[in-house]
Structures are given as structure tokens and as C-alpha cells.
């Protein structure tokens, strides 16, 4: 059977912005960007995004600790840029979010990872006005 997999991310999402400009302002190198909205017309707005993500962790290779992924691998790295994140969200009308993407095993012997957010993460999200997303799907049979 397929093992559990997961990753955590911080993203800025909005219309008509250039992710490269956000990278320069924040001084953080994103793992993924989408600049689709940069050249879209105002009558058909398209979303752009800037994302800082962990690698996808497979529970067979490591313990899938969602708390650690968010706290150690995301928050500790973006927290120093908190005021810049707040400022860029206001100046570019961006929506910040912290999220988790999980692919859960259908193997009854595989335990499901705990998904939660500590006080530090919740406080940070509150201070920057961020959403919290948890996306999950079930793995396919092998």
C-alpha cells in the first residue's frame, strides 16, 4: 500500500502581481511561483501566487509530523519577514495562507498523521491576517 505523504507551505495569492517583485521585497526565495496574473486583463482577472513550501515527506521514509513541518520548516524561516509580509499584503492586496497538503494511505495498518496548529502558528496567522488551509486526498491502491 502507499504510505502517507504531506507537505506544509506558506503562500501569498492575489490578482495582477509579479511574484519576482514579492521575492525581492521579502528577501525569501520561494519554492514555487505562478505569474499568470501579471499580464491578465482587468476584465478577466487571473490569480498569481508566491509559495514557500517544504518538500513532500513520505511516512515510510520519515515520521510525518505536521506540527514540526509548519513550526520548524516554515514558520521559523518566514517569521523574521513578518512585517514585510504584512506590508506587501497591504500594498499588493494579497491573501496570505499557511497550509498543509496530505495524501493519506488507505492501508488500515498505516496511522493517520495528527494535523494541528500550535499557538505560535495561530498567533502568527492572526497577526498577518492569514488563512489556514488543509487539503487532503486518499492514496490510490498500488
Protein backbone atom coordinates (compact mmCIF):
# COMPACT_ATOMS: atom_id res chain seq x y z
CA UNK A 1 0.00 0.00 0.00
CA UNK A 2 1.00 3.62 -0.46
CA UNK A 3 2.27 5.45 2.65
CA UNK A 4 1.03 8.80 3.95
CA UNK A 5 2.60 11.87 2.33
CA UNK A 6 2.49 15.50 3.30
CA UNK A 7 3.96 18.95 2.94
CA UNK A 8 3.40 22.34 4.52
CA UNK A 9 3.51 25.73 2.82
CA UNK A 10 3.13 29.48 3.19
CA UNK A 11 1.61 31.27 0.21
CA UNK A 12 0.67 34.73 -0.95
CA UNK A 13 -2.12 34.78 -3.51
CA UNK A 14 -3.71 37.63 -5.44
CA UNK A 15 -4.55 39.23 -8.76
CA UNK A 16 -2.21 41.07 -11.10
CA UNK A 17 1.07 40.83 -9.19
CA UNK A 18 4.55 39.78 -10.15
CA UNK A 19 5.92 37.07 -7.79
CA UNK A 20 9.50 38.17 -8.57
CA UNK A 21 8.73 41.56 -7.05
CA UNK A 22 7.47 39.84 -3.88
CA UNK A 23 10.66 37.76 -3.69
CA UNK A 24 12.72 40.96 -3.81
CA UNK A 25 10.65 42.67 -1.12
CA UNK A 26 10.59 39.71 1.29
CA UNK A 27 14.15 38.57 0.69
CA UNK A 28 12.94 34.95 0.74
CA UNK A 29 13.37 32.53 -2.15
CA UNK A 30 10.05 30.83 -2.95
CA UNK A 31 9.81 27.17 -3.91
CA UNK A 32 7.05 27.85 -6.44
CA UNK A 33 5.59 30.88 -8.20
CA UNK A 34 2.81 31.43 -10.68
CA UNK A 35 2.82 34.72 -12.57
CA UNK A 36 -0.33 34.06 -14.62
CA UNK A 37 -2.00 37.22 -13.32
CA UNK A 38 0.80 39.60 -14.30
CA UNK A 39 -0.38 40.07 -17.87
CA UNK A 40 -4.06 39.22 -17.50
CA UNK A 41 -6.63 41.82 -18.41
CA UNK A 42 -8.73 43.54 -15.78
CA UNK A 43 -11.94 42.14 -17.28
CA UNK A 44 -10.72 38.55 -16.77
CA UNK A 45 -8.52 38.58 -13.67
CA UNK A 46 -6.18 35.64 -13.15
CA UNK A 47 -4.57 34.69 -9.86
CA UNK A 48 -0.81 34.80 -9.31
CA UNK A 49 0.88 33.10 -6.38
CA UNK A 50 4.13 33.05 -4.41
CA UNK A 51 4.76 29.91 -2.33
CA UNK A 52 7.37 28.80 0.20
CA UNK A 53 6.98 25.06 0.78
CA UNK A 54 8.61 22.09 2.44
CA UNK A 55 9.46 19.04 0.40
CA UNK A 56 6.83 16.31 0.37
CA UNK A 57 7.58 13.92 3.22
CA UNK A 58 6.67 10.24 2.90
CA UNK A 59 5.81 8.50 6.16
CA UNK A 60 7.78 5.40 5.09
CA UNK A 61 10.97 7.48 4.97
CA UNK A 62 10.29 9.81 7.93
CA UNK A 63 7.77 10.48 10.66
CA UNK A 64 5.09 12.73 9.19
CA UNK A 65 4.97 15.39 11.91
CA UNK A 66 2.73 18.20 10.66
CA UNK A 67 3.41 20.37 13.71
CA UNK A 68 7.16 20.19 13.05
CA UNK A 69 6.77 20.84 9.31
CA UNK A 70 4.84 24.04 9.94
CA UNK A 71 6.73 25.26 13.01
CA UNK A 72 10.33 24.36 12.14
CA UNK A 73 10.36 24.22 8.36
CA UNK A 74 8.00 27.09 7.51
CA UNK A 75 7.35 29.48 10.40
CA UNK A 76 10.93 29.78 11.65
CA UNK A 77 12.03 30.78 8.15
CA UNK A 78 9.26 33.29 7.32
CA UNK A 79 8.72 34.79 10.78
CA UNK A 80 11.66 37.24 10.51
CA UNK A 81 9.91 38.76 7.45
CA UNK A 82 6.58 39.19 9.28
CA UNK A 83 6.35 42.98 8.93
CA UNK A 84 7.39 42.81 5.28
CA UNK A 85 4.67 40.19 4.70
CA UNK A 86 2.07 42.44 6.32
CA UNK A 87 3.23 45.43 4.26
CA UNK A 88 3.33 43.56 0.93
CA UNK A 89 -0.13 42.08 1.55
CA UNK A 90 -1.50 45.60 2.04
CA UNK A 91 0.39 47.20 -0.86
CA UNK A 92 -0.37 44.41 -3.37
CA UNK A 93 -3.78 43.31 -1.99
CA UNK A 94 -2.53 39.75 -1.34
CA UNK A 95 -4.08 36.97 0.67
CA UNK A 96 -1.62 35.10 2.93
CA UNK A 97 -2.16 31.48 3.92
CA UNK A 98 -0.46 28.65 5.73
CA UNK A 99 -1.42 25.21 4.61
CA UNK A 100 -0.90 21.50 4.69
CA UNK A 101 -1.34 19.12 1.75
CA UNK A 102 -1.81 15.46 2.71
CA UNK A 103 -2.19 12.25 0.77
CA UNK A 104 -3.49 9.70 3.25
CA UNK A 105 -2.88 5.98 2.92
CA UNK A 106 -5.86 3.67 2.56
CA UNK A 107 -3.86 0.95 4.31
CA UNK A 108 -5.66 0.20 7.59
CA UNK A 109 -2.29 -0.53 9.23
CA UNK A 110 -0.94 2.94 8.42
CA UNK A 111 -1.73 5.51 11.11
CA UNK A 112 -3.09 8.89 10.09
CA UNK A 113 -0.88 11.86 10.96
CA UNK A 114 -2.10 14.36 13.54
CA UNK A 115 -2.95 17.65 11.90
CA UNK A 116 -2.99 20.73 14.06
CA UNK A 117 -1.55 24.14 14.59
CA UNK A 118 0.24 25.32 17.70
CA UNK A 119 -0.38 28.62 19.47
CA UNK A 120 2.66 30.22 17.81
CA UNK A 121 1.36 29.42 14.31
CA UNK A 122 -2.16 30.62 15.14
CA UNK A 123 -0.79 33.85 16.62
CA UNK A 124 1.37 34.44 13.52
CA UNK A 125 -1.60 33.81 11.22
CA UNK A 126 -3.72 36.21 13.25
CA UNK A 127 -1.05 38.92 13.13
CA UNK A 128 -0.67 38.77 9.35
CA UNK A 129 -4.34 38.01 8.58
CA UNK A 130 -3.62 34.57 7.11
CA UNK A 131 -5.99 31.76 6.24
CA UNK A 132 -5.20 28.17 7.23
CA UNK A 133 -5.84 25.51 4.58
CA UNK A 134 -5.75 21.73 4.97
CA UNK A 135 -6.10 19.81 1.72
CA UNK A 136 -6.20 16.04 1.72
CA UNK A 137 -6.89 13.15 -0.58
CA UNK A 138 -6.78 9.39 -0.25
CA UNK A 139 -3.94 7.50 -1.91
CA UNK A 140 -4.64 5.15 -4.75
CA UNK A 141 -4.25 1.43 -4.44
CA UNK A 142 -0.95 0.11 -5.71
